[in-house]
Amino acid sequence: MMKTNYHISLVIEDALNNKREKLTKLFKDETGKFLSDKEAREVLLVYKNKGYKLIPFCSAEECPHFDHITGCPGHKENETR
């Protein structure tokens, strides 16, 4: 039997509009330090201005066909019992 797995993603607009939650554990800089809430929101605005609706919570290797408008297309996998 085949099953389909989907990677989760973040809806950029929802994250930007949510002022109650801090986005401090979302992105890291090149040194590995987490970005501040303000810095993370700036990153999300860059993606939004590119026309992206979603960003993945996985690497490009894990989901090579991720679409920034529709999300993960799903990955077929053999289900073992």
PDB file of N, CA and C in Angstrom:
ATOM      1  N   MET A   1       0.846  -1.163   0.000  1.00  0.00           N
ATOM      2  CA  MET A   1       0.000   0.000   0.000  1.00  0.00           C
ATOM      3  C   MET A   1       0.899   1.237   0.000  1.00  0.00           C
ATOM      4  N   MET A   2       0.502   2.258  -0.757  1.00  0.00           N
ATOM      5  CA  MET A   2       1.263   3.509  -0.830  1.00  0.00           C
ATOM      6  C   MET A   2       0.628   4.560   0.067  1.00  0.00           C
ATOM      7  N   LYS A   3       1.462   5.351   0.681  1.00  0.00           N
ATOM      8  CA  LYS A   3       0.965   6.497   1.443  1.00  0.00           C
ATOM      9  C   LYS A   3       1.686   7.734   0.938  1.00  0.00           C
ATOM     10  N   THR A   4       1.135   8.897   1.226  1.00  0.00           N
ATOM     11  CA  THR A   4       1.741  10.148   0.806  1.00  0.00           C
ATOM     12  C   THR A   4       2.056  10.987   2.037  1.00  0.00           C
ATOM     13  N   ASN A   5       3.303  11.390   2.152  1.00  0.00           N
ATOM     14  CA  ASN A   5       3.740  12.267   3.235  1.00  0.00           C
ATOM     15  C   ASN A   5       3.840  13.689   2.704  1.00  0.00           C
ATOM     16  N   TYR A   6       3.503  14.655   3.547  1.00  0.00           N
ATOM     17  CA  TYR A   6       3.590  16.069   3.197  1.00  0.00           C
ATOM     18  C   TYR A   6       4.434  16.794   4.232  1.00  0.00           C
ATOM     19  N   HIS A   7       5.300  17.684   3.763  1.00  0.00           N
ATOM     20  CA  HIS A   7       6.076  18.533   4.661  1.00  0.00           C
ATOM     21  C   HIS A   7       5.231  19.739   5.056  1.00  0.00           C
ATOM     22  N   ILE A   8       5.407  20.187   6.287  1.00  0.00           N
ATOM     23  CA  ILE A   8       4.645  21.347   6.743  1.00  0.00           C
ATOM     24  C   ILE A   8       5.354  22.631   6.304  1.00  0.00           C
ATOM     25  N   SER A   9       4.590  23.710   6.277  1.00  0.00           N
ATOM     26  CA  SER A   9       5.147  24.996   5.885  1.00  0.00           C
ATOM     27  C   SER A   9       4.507  26.099   6.715  1.00  0.00           C
ATOM     28  N   LEU A  10       5.127  27.249   6.672  1.00  0.00           N
ATOM     29  CA  LEU A  10       4.654  28.418   7.404  1.00  0.00           C
ATOM     30  C   LEU A  10       3.959  29.352   6.417  1.00  0.00           C
ATOM     31  N   VAL A  11       2.758  29.804   6.760  1.00  0.00           N
ATOM     32  CA  VAL A  11       2.050  30.788   5.953  1.00  0.00           C
ATOM     33  C   VAL A  11       2.606  32.161   6.335  1.00  0.00           C
ATOM     34  N   ILE A  12       3.301  32.783   5.405  1.00  0.00           N
ATOM     35  CA  ILE A  12       4.017  34.027   5.683  1.00  0.00           C
ATOM     36  C   ILE A  12       3.084  35.115   6.198  1.00  0.00           C
ATOM     37  N   GLU A  13       1.968  35.312   5.525  1.00  0.00           N
ATOM     38  CA  GLU A  13       1.036  36.378   5.911  1.00  0.00           C
ATOM     39  C   GLU A  13       0.529  36.180   7.342  1.00  0.00           C
ATOM     40  N   ASP A  14       0.206  34.945   7.691  1.00  0.00           N
ATOM     41  CA  ASP A  14      -0.278  34.664   9.052  1.00  0.00           C
ATOM     42  C   ASP A  14       0.800  34.961  10.092  1.00  0.00           C
ATOM     43  N   ALA A  15       2.034  34.572   9.806  1.00  0.00           N
ATOM     44  CA  ALA A  15       3.130  34.826  10.751  1.00  0.00           C
ATOM     45  C   ALA A  15       3.348  36.329  10.938  1.00  0.00           C
ATOM     46  N   LEU A  16       3.292  37.074   9.844  1.00  0.00           N
ATOM     47  CA  LEU A  16       3.488  38.518   9.941  1.00  0.00           C
ATOM     48  C   LEU A  16       2.353  39.208  10.684  1.00  0.00           C
ATOM     49  N   ASN A  17       1.144  38.718  10.534  1.00  0.00           N
ATOM     50  CA  ASN A  17      -0.019  39.339  11.172  1.00  0.00           C
ATOM     51  C   ASN A  17      -0.162  38.969  12.644  1.00  0.00           C
ATOM     52  N   ASN A  18       0.485  37.883  13.077  1.00  0.00           N
ATOM     53  CA  ASN A  18       0.378  37.433  14.452  1.00  0.00           C
ATOM     54  C   ASN A  18       1.361  38.212  15.314  1.00  0.00           C
ATOM     55  N   LYS A  19       0.867  39.190  16.013  1.00  0.00           N
ATOM     56  CA  LYS A  19       1.732  40.034  16.851  1.00  0.00           C
ATOM     57  C   LYS A  19       1.907  39.456  18.262  1.00  0.00           C
ATOM     58  N   ARG A  20       1.071  38.494  18.630  1.00  0.00           N
ATOM     59  CA  ARG A  20       1.157  37.909  19.980  1.00  0.00           C
ATOM     60  C   ARG A  20       2.334  36.957  20.110  1.00  0.00           C
ATOM     61  N   GLU A  21       2.681  36.287  19.019  1.00  0.00           N
ATOM     62  CA  GLU A  21       3.768  35.301  19.055  1.00  0.00           C
ATOM     63  C   GLU A  21       5.052  35.916  18.520  1.00  0.00           C
ATOM     64  N   LYS A  22       6.123  35.719  19.236  1.00  0.00           N
ATOM     65  CA  LYS A  22       7.429  36.174  18.779  1.00  0.00           C
ATOM     66  C   LYS A  22       8.007  35.139  17.815  1.00  0.00           C
ATOM     67  N   LEU A  23       8.690  35.603  16.807  1.00  0.00           N
ATOM     68  CA  LEU A  23       9.267  34.719  15.793  1.00  0.00           C
ATOM     69  C   LEU A  23      10.766  34.530  16.026  1.00  0.00           C
ATOM     70  N   THR A  24      11.153  34.436  17.294  1.00  0.00           N
ATOM     71  CA  THR A  24      12.567  34.425  17.661  1.00  0.00           C
ATOM     72  C   THR A  24      13.270  33.090  17.419  1.00  0.00           C
ATOM     73  N   LYS A  25      12.564  32.017  17.221  1.00  0.00           N
ATOM     74  CA  LYS A  25      13.210  30.715  17.002  1.00  0.00           C
ATOM     75  C   LYS A  25      12.971  30.212  15.583  1.00  0.00           C
ATOM     76  N   LEU A  26      12.769  31.124  14.654  1.00  0.00           N
ATOM     77  CA  LEU A  26      12.412  30.744  13.289  1.00  0.00           C
ATOM     78  C   LEU A  26      13.616  30.669  12.356  1.00  0.00           C
ATOM     79  N   PHE A  27      14.505  31.650  12.443  1.00  0.00           N
ATOM     80  CA  PHE A  27      15.660  31.711  11.545  1.00  0.00           C
ATOM     81  C   PHE A  27      16.942  31.895  12.343  1.00  0.00           C
ATOM     82  N   LYS A  28      18.041  31.389  11.754  1.00  0.00           N
ATOM     83  CA  LYS A  28      19.375  31.603  12.328  1.00  0.00           C
ATOM     84  C   LYS A  28      20.218  32.363  11.314  1.00  0.00           C
ATOM     85  N   ASP A  29      21.189  33.123  11.836  1.00  0.00           N
ATOM     86  CA  ASP A  29      22.121  33.798  10.943  1.00  0.00           C
ATOM     87  C   ASP A  29      23.263  32.845  10.593  1.00  0.00           C
ATOM     88  N   GLU A  30      24.249  33.333   9.855  1.00  0.00           N
ATOM     89  CA  GLU A  30      25.346  32.479   9.398  1.00  0.00           C
ATOM     90  C   GLU A  30      26.220  31.963  10.537  1.00  0.00           C
ATOM     91  N   THR A  31      26.128  32.577  11.725  1.00  0.00           N
ATOM     92  CA  THR A  31      26.908  32.106  12.877  1.00  0.00           C
ATOM     93  C   THR A  31      26.125  31.102  13.730  1.00  0.00           C
ATOM     94  N   GLY A  32      24.848  30.889  13.383  1.00  0.00           N
ATOM     95  CA  GLY A  32      24.027  29.966  14.152  1.00  0.00           C
ATOM     96  C   GLY A  32      23.187  30.627  15.222  1.00  0.00           C
ATOM     97  N   LYS A  33      23.276  31.950  15.343  1.00  0.00           N
ATOM     98  CA  LYS A  33      22.494  32.692  16.335  1.00  0.00           C
ATOM     99  C   LYS A  33      21.081  32.935  15.795  1.00  0.00           C
ATOM    100  N   PHE A  34      20.085  32.723  16.665  1.00  0.00           N
ATOM    101  CA  PHE A  34      18.713  32.975  16.249  1.00  0.00           C
ATOM    102  C   PHE A  34      18.491  34.461  16.006  1.00  0.00           C
ATOM    103  N   LEU A  35      17.714  34.777  14.969  1.00  0.00           N
ATOM    104  CA  LEU A  35      17.363  36.160  14.679  1.00  0.00           C
ATOM    105  C   LEU A  35      16.339  36.656  15.684  1.00  0.00           C
ATOM    106  N   SER A  36      16.346  37.962  15.919  1.00  0.00           N
ATOM    107  CA  SER A  36      15.334  38.568  16.784  1.00  0.00           C
ATOM    108  C   SER A  36      13.982  38.538  16.079  1.00  0.00           C
ATOM    109  N   ASP A  37      12.940  38.829  16.808  1.00  0.00           N
ATOM    110  CA  ASP A  37      11.603  38.887  16.224  1.00  0.00           C
ATOM    111  C   ASP A  37      11.569  39.889  15.064  1.00  0.00           C
ATOM    112  N   LYS A  38      12.140  41.064  15.274  1.00  0.00           N
ATOM    113  CA  LYS A  38      12.158  42.094  14.229  1.00  0.00           C
ATOM    114  C   LYS A  38      12.915  41.610  12.994  1.00  0.00           C
ATOM    115  N   GLU A  39      14.071  40.987  13.200  1.00  0.00           N
ATOM    116  CA  GLU A  39      14.874  40.485  12.084  1.00  0.00           C
ATOM    117  C   GLU A  39      14.137  39.379  11.325  1.00  0.00           C
ATOM    118  N   ALA A  40      13.477  38.489  12.061  1.00  0.00           N
ATOM    119  CA  ALA A  40      12.727  37.401  11.423  1.00  0.00           C
ATOM    120  C   ALA A  40      11.583  37.959  10.582  1.00  0.00           C
ATOM    121  N   ARG A  41      10.895  38.956  11.097  1.00  0.00           N
ATOM    122  CA  ARG A  41       9.807  39.585  10.338  1.00  0.00           C
ATOM    123  C   ARG A  41      10.344  40.266   9.074  1.00  0.00           C
ATOM    124  N   GLU A  42      11.535  40.814   9.142  1.00  0.00           N
ATOM    125  CA  GLU A  42      12.158  41.419   7.958  1.00  0.00           C
ATOM    126  C   GLU A  42      12.463  40.358   6.902  1.00  0.00           C
ATOM    127  N   VAL A  43      12.941  39.193   7.345  1.00  0.00           N
ATOM    128  CA  VAL A  43      13.193  38.084   6.421  1.00  0.00           C
ATOM    129  C   VAL A  43      11.886  37.656   5.753  1.00  0.00           C
ATOM    130  N   LEU A  44      10.840  37.517   6.548  1.00  0.00           N
ATOM    131  CA  LEU A  44       9.545  37.118   5.985  1.00  0.00           C
ATOM    132  C   LEU A  44       9.030  38.146   4.987  1.00  0.00           C
ATOM    133  N   LEU A  45       9.255  39.421   5.249  1.00  0.00           N
ATOM    134  CA  LEU A  45       8.837  40.466   4.306  1.00  0.00           C
ATOM    135  C   LEU A  45       9.584  40.352   2.977  1.00  0.00           C
ATOM    136  N   VAL A  46      10.851  39.975   3.024  1.00  0.00           N
ATOM    137  CA  VAL A  46      11.617  39.765   1.792  1.00  0.00           C
ATOM    138  C   VAL A  46      10.962  38.651   0.970  1.00  0.00           C
ATOM    139  N   TYR A  47      10.623  37.535   1.635  1.00  0.00           N
ATOM    140  CA  TYR A  47       9.962  36.428   0.929  1.00  0.00           C
ATOM    141  C   TYR A  47       8.599  36.862   0.395  1.00  0.00           C
ATOM    142  N   LYS A  48       7.851  37.579   1.198  1.00  0.00           N
ATOM    143  CA  LYS A  48       6.523  38.042   0.776  1.00  0.00           C
ATOM    144  C   LYS A  48       6.640  38.942  -0.456  1.00  0.00           C
ATOM    145  N   ASN A  49       7.629  39.833  -0.459  1.00  0.00           N
ATOM    146  CA  ASN A  49       7.833  40.733  -1.591  1.00  0.00           C
ATOM    147  C   ASN A  49       8.271  40.002  -2.858  1.00  0.00           C
ATOM    148  N   LYS A  50       8.799  38.795  -2.705  1.00  0.00           N
ATOM    149  CA  LYS A  50       9.137  37.962  -3.860  1.00  0.00           C
ATOM    150  C   LYS A  50       7.901  37.244  -4.399  1.00  0.00           C
ATOM    151  N   GLY A  51       6.774  37.362  -3.678  1.00  0.00           N
ATOM    152  CA  GLY A  51       5.545  36.697  -4.106  1.00  0.00           C
ATOM    153  C   GLY A  51       5.303  35.361  -3.425  1.00  0.00           C
ATOM    154  N   TYR A  52       6.177  34.993  -2.485  1.00  0.00           N
ATOM    155  CA  TYR A  52       6.006  33.723  -1.781  1.00  0.00           C
ATOM    156  C   TYR A  52       4.817  33.821  -0.829  1.00  0.00           C
ATOM    157  N   LYS A  53       4.070  32.740  -0.719  1.00  0.00           N
ATOM    158  CA  LYS A  53       2.985  32.623   0.257  1.00  0.00           C
ATOM    159  C   LYS A  53       3.405  31.744   1.429  1.00  0.00           C
ATOM    160  N   LEU A  54       4.291  30.777   1.162  1.00  0.00           N
ATOM    161  CA  LEU A  54       4.701  29.764   2.138  1.00  0.00           C
ATOM    162  C   LEU A  54       6.212  29.621   2.153  1.00  0.00           C
ATOM    163  N   ILE A  55       6.746  29.225   3.313  1.00  0.00           N
ATOM    164  CA  ILE A  55       8.132  28.789   3.383  1.00  0.00           C
ATOM    165  C   ILE A  55       8.139  27.414   4.055  1.00  0.00           C
ATOM    166  N   PRO A  56       9.012  26.521   3.603  1.00  0.00           N
ATOM    167  CA  PRO A  56       9.013  25.151   4.124  1.00  0.00           C
ATOM    168  C   PRO A  56       9.682  25.043   5.484  1.00  0.00           C
ATOM    169  N   PHE A  57       9.275  24.023   6.236  1.00  0.00           N
ATOM    170  CA  PHE A  57       9.942  23.666   7.489  1.00  0.00           C
ATOM    171  C   PHE A  57      10.809  22.431   7.260  1.00  0.00           C
ATOM    172  N   CYS A  58      11.470  22.399   6.116  1.00  0.00           N
ATOM    173  CA  CYS A  58      12.363  21.292   5.783  1.00  0.00           C
ATOM    174  C   CYS A  58      13.399  21.823   4.796  1.00  0.00           C
ATOM    175  N   SER A  59      14.396  21.026   4.514  1.00  0.00           N
ATOM    176  CA  SER A  59      15.441  21.445   3.581  1.00  0.00           C
ATOM    177  C   SER A  59      14.998  21.208   2.138  1.00  0.00           C
ATOM    178  N   ALA A  60      15.714  21.817   1.219  1.00  0.00           N
ATOM    179  CA  ALA A  60      15.439  21.613  -0.204  1.00  0.00           C
ATOM    180  C   ALA A  60      15.710  20.159  -0.601  1.00  0.00           C
ATOM    181  N   GLU A  61      16.630  19.505   0.076  1.00  0.00           N
ATOM    182  CA  GLU A  61      16.913  18.093  -0.219  1.00  0.00           C
ATOM    183  C   GLU A  61      15.741  17.200   0.186  1.00  0.00           C
ATOM    184  N   GLU A  62      15.085  17.550   1.291  1.00  0.00           N
ATOM    185  CA  GLU A  62      13.953  16.756   1.765  1.00  0.00           C
ATOM    186  C   GLU A  62      12.712  16.956   0.888  1.00  0.00           C
ATOM    187  N   CYS A  63      12.567  18.150   0.333  1.00  0.00           N
ATOM    188  CA  CYS A  63      11.380  18.469  -0.468  1.00  0.00           C
ATOM    189  C   CYS A  63      11.818  19.296  -1.675  1.00  0.00           C
ATOM    190  N   PRO A  64      12.432  18.627  -2.673  1.00  0.00           N
ATOM    191  CA  PRO A  64      13.003  19.357  -3.804  1.00  0.00           C
ATOM    192  C   PRO A  64      11.971  20.058  -4.694  1.00  0.00           C
ATOM    193  N   HIS A  65      10.734  19.650  -4.612  1.00  0.00           N
ATOM    194  CA  HIS A  65       9.695  20.244  -5.469  1.00  0.00           C
ATOM    195  C   HIS A  65       8.746  21.145  -4.691  1.00  0.00           C
ATOM    196  N   PHE A  66       9.191  21.639  -3.540  1.00  0.00           N
ATOM    197  CA  PHE A  66       8.357  22.546  -2.745  1.00  0.00           C
ATOM    198  C   PHE A  66       8.005  23.768  -3.584  1.00  0.00           C
ATOM    199  N   ASP A  67       6.733  24.160  -3.536  1.00  0.00           N
ATOM    200  CA  ASP A  67       6.251  25.335  -4.251  1.00  0.00           C
ATOM    201  C   ASP A  67       5.875  26.397  -3.223  1.00  0.00           C
ATOM    202  N   HIS A  68       6.396  27.602  -3.382  1.00  0.00           N
ATOM    203  CA  HIS A  68       6.178  28.659  -2.393  1.00  0.00           C
ATOM    204  C   HIS A  68       4.779  29.262  -2.461  1.00  0.00           C
ATOM    205  N   ILE A  69       3.951  28.783  -3.367  1.00  0.00           N
ATOM    206  CA  ILE A  69       2.555  29.203  -3.442  1.00  0.00           C
ATOM    207  C   ILE A  69       1.639  28.090  -2.929  1.00  0.00           C
ATOM    208  N   THR A  70       1.894  26.861  -3.356  1.00  0.00           N
ATOM    209  CA  THR A  70       0.998  25.750  -3.005  1.00  0.00           C
ATOM    210  C   THR A  70       1.560  24.815  -1.938  1.00  0.00           C
ATOM    211  N   GLY A  71       2.857  24.885  -1.654  1.00  0.00           N
ATOM    212  CA  GLY A  71       3.457  24.051  -0.619  1.00  0.00           C
ATOM    213  C   GLY A  71       4.032  22.753  -1.139  1.00  0.00           C
ATOM    214  N   CYS A  72       4.130  21.782  -0.256  1.00  0.00           N
ATOM    215  CA  CYS A  72       4.703  20.476  -0.565  1.00  0.00           C
ATOM    216  C   CYS A  72       3.738  19.691  -1.453  1.00  0.00           C
ATOM    217  N   PRO A  73       4.232  19.144  -2.566  1.00  0.00           N
ATOM    218  CA  PRO A  73       3.358  18.373  -3.441  1.00  0.00           C
ATOM    219  C   PRO A  73       3.057  16.965  -2.924  1.00  0.00           C
ATOM    220  N   GLY A  74       3.742  16.557  -1.882  1.00  0.00           N
ATOM    221  CA  GLY A  74       3.551  15.211  -1.325  1.00  0.00           C
ATOM    222  C   GLY A  74       4.607  14.260  -1.860  1.00  0.00           C
ATOM    223  N   HIS A  75       4.897  13.247  -1.063  1.00  0.00           N
ATOM    224  CA  HIS A  75       5.929  12.277  -1.405  1.00  0.00           C
ATOM    225  C   HIS A  75       5.360  10.879  -1.189  1.00  0.00           C
ATOM    226  N   LYS A  76       5.266  10.105  -2.266  1.00  0.00           N
ATOM    227  CA  LYS A  76       4.751   8.740  -2.164  1.00  0.00           C
ATOM    228  C   LYS A  76       5.781   7.859  -1.472  1.00  0.00           C
ATOM    229  N   GLU A  77       5.260   6.980  -0.645  1.00  0.00           N
ATOM    230  CA  GLU A  77       6.127   6.100   0.122  1.00  0.00           C
ATOM    231  C   GLU A  77       5.418   4.768   0.312  1.00  0.00           C
ATOM    232  N   ASN A  78       6.168   3.683   0.206  1.00  0.00           N
ATOM    233  CA  ASN A  78       5.577   2.372   0.483  1.00  0.00           C
ATOM    234  C   ASN A  78       5.278   2.253   1.954  1.00  0.00           C
ATOM    235  N   GLU A  79       4.073   1.835   2.261  1.00  0.00           N
ATOM    236  CA  GLU A  79       3.672   1.648   3.653  1.00  0.00           C
ATOM    237  C   GLU A  79       3.941   0.188   4.027  1.00  0.00           C
ATOM    238  N   THR A  80       4.706  -0.022   5.089  1.00  0.00           N
ATOM    239  CA  THR A  80       4.987  -1.383   5.540  1.00  0.00           C
ATOM    240  C   THR A  80       4.191  -1.654   6.806  1.00  0.00           C
ATOM    241  N   ARG A  81       3.767  -2.866   6.925  1.00  0.00           N
ATOM    242  CA  ARG A  81       2.972  -3.260   8.102  1.00  0.00           C
ATOM    243  C   ARG A  81       3.693  -4.285   8.905  1.00  0.00           C
TER     244      ARG A  81
END
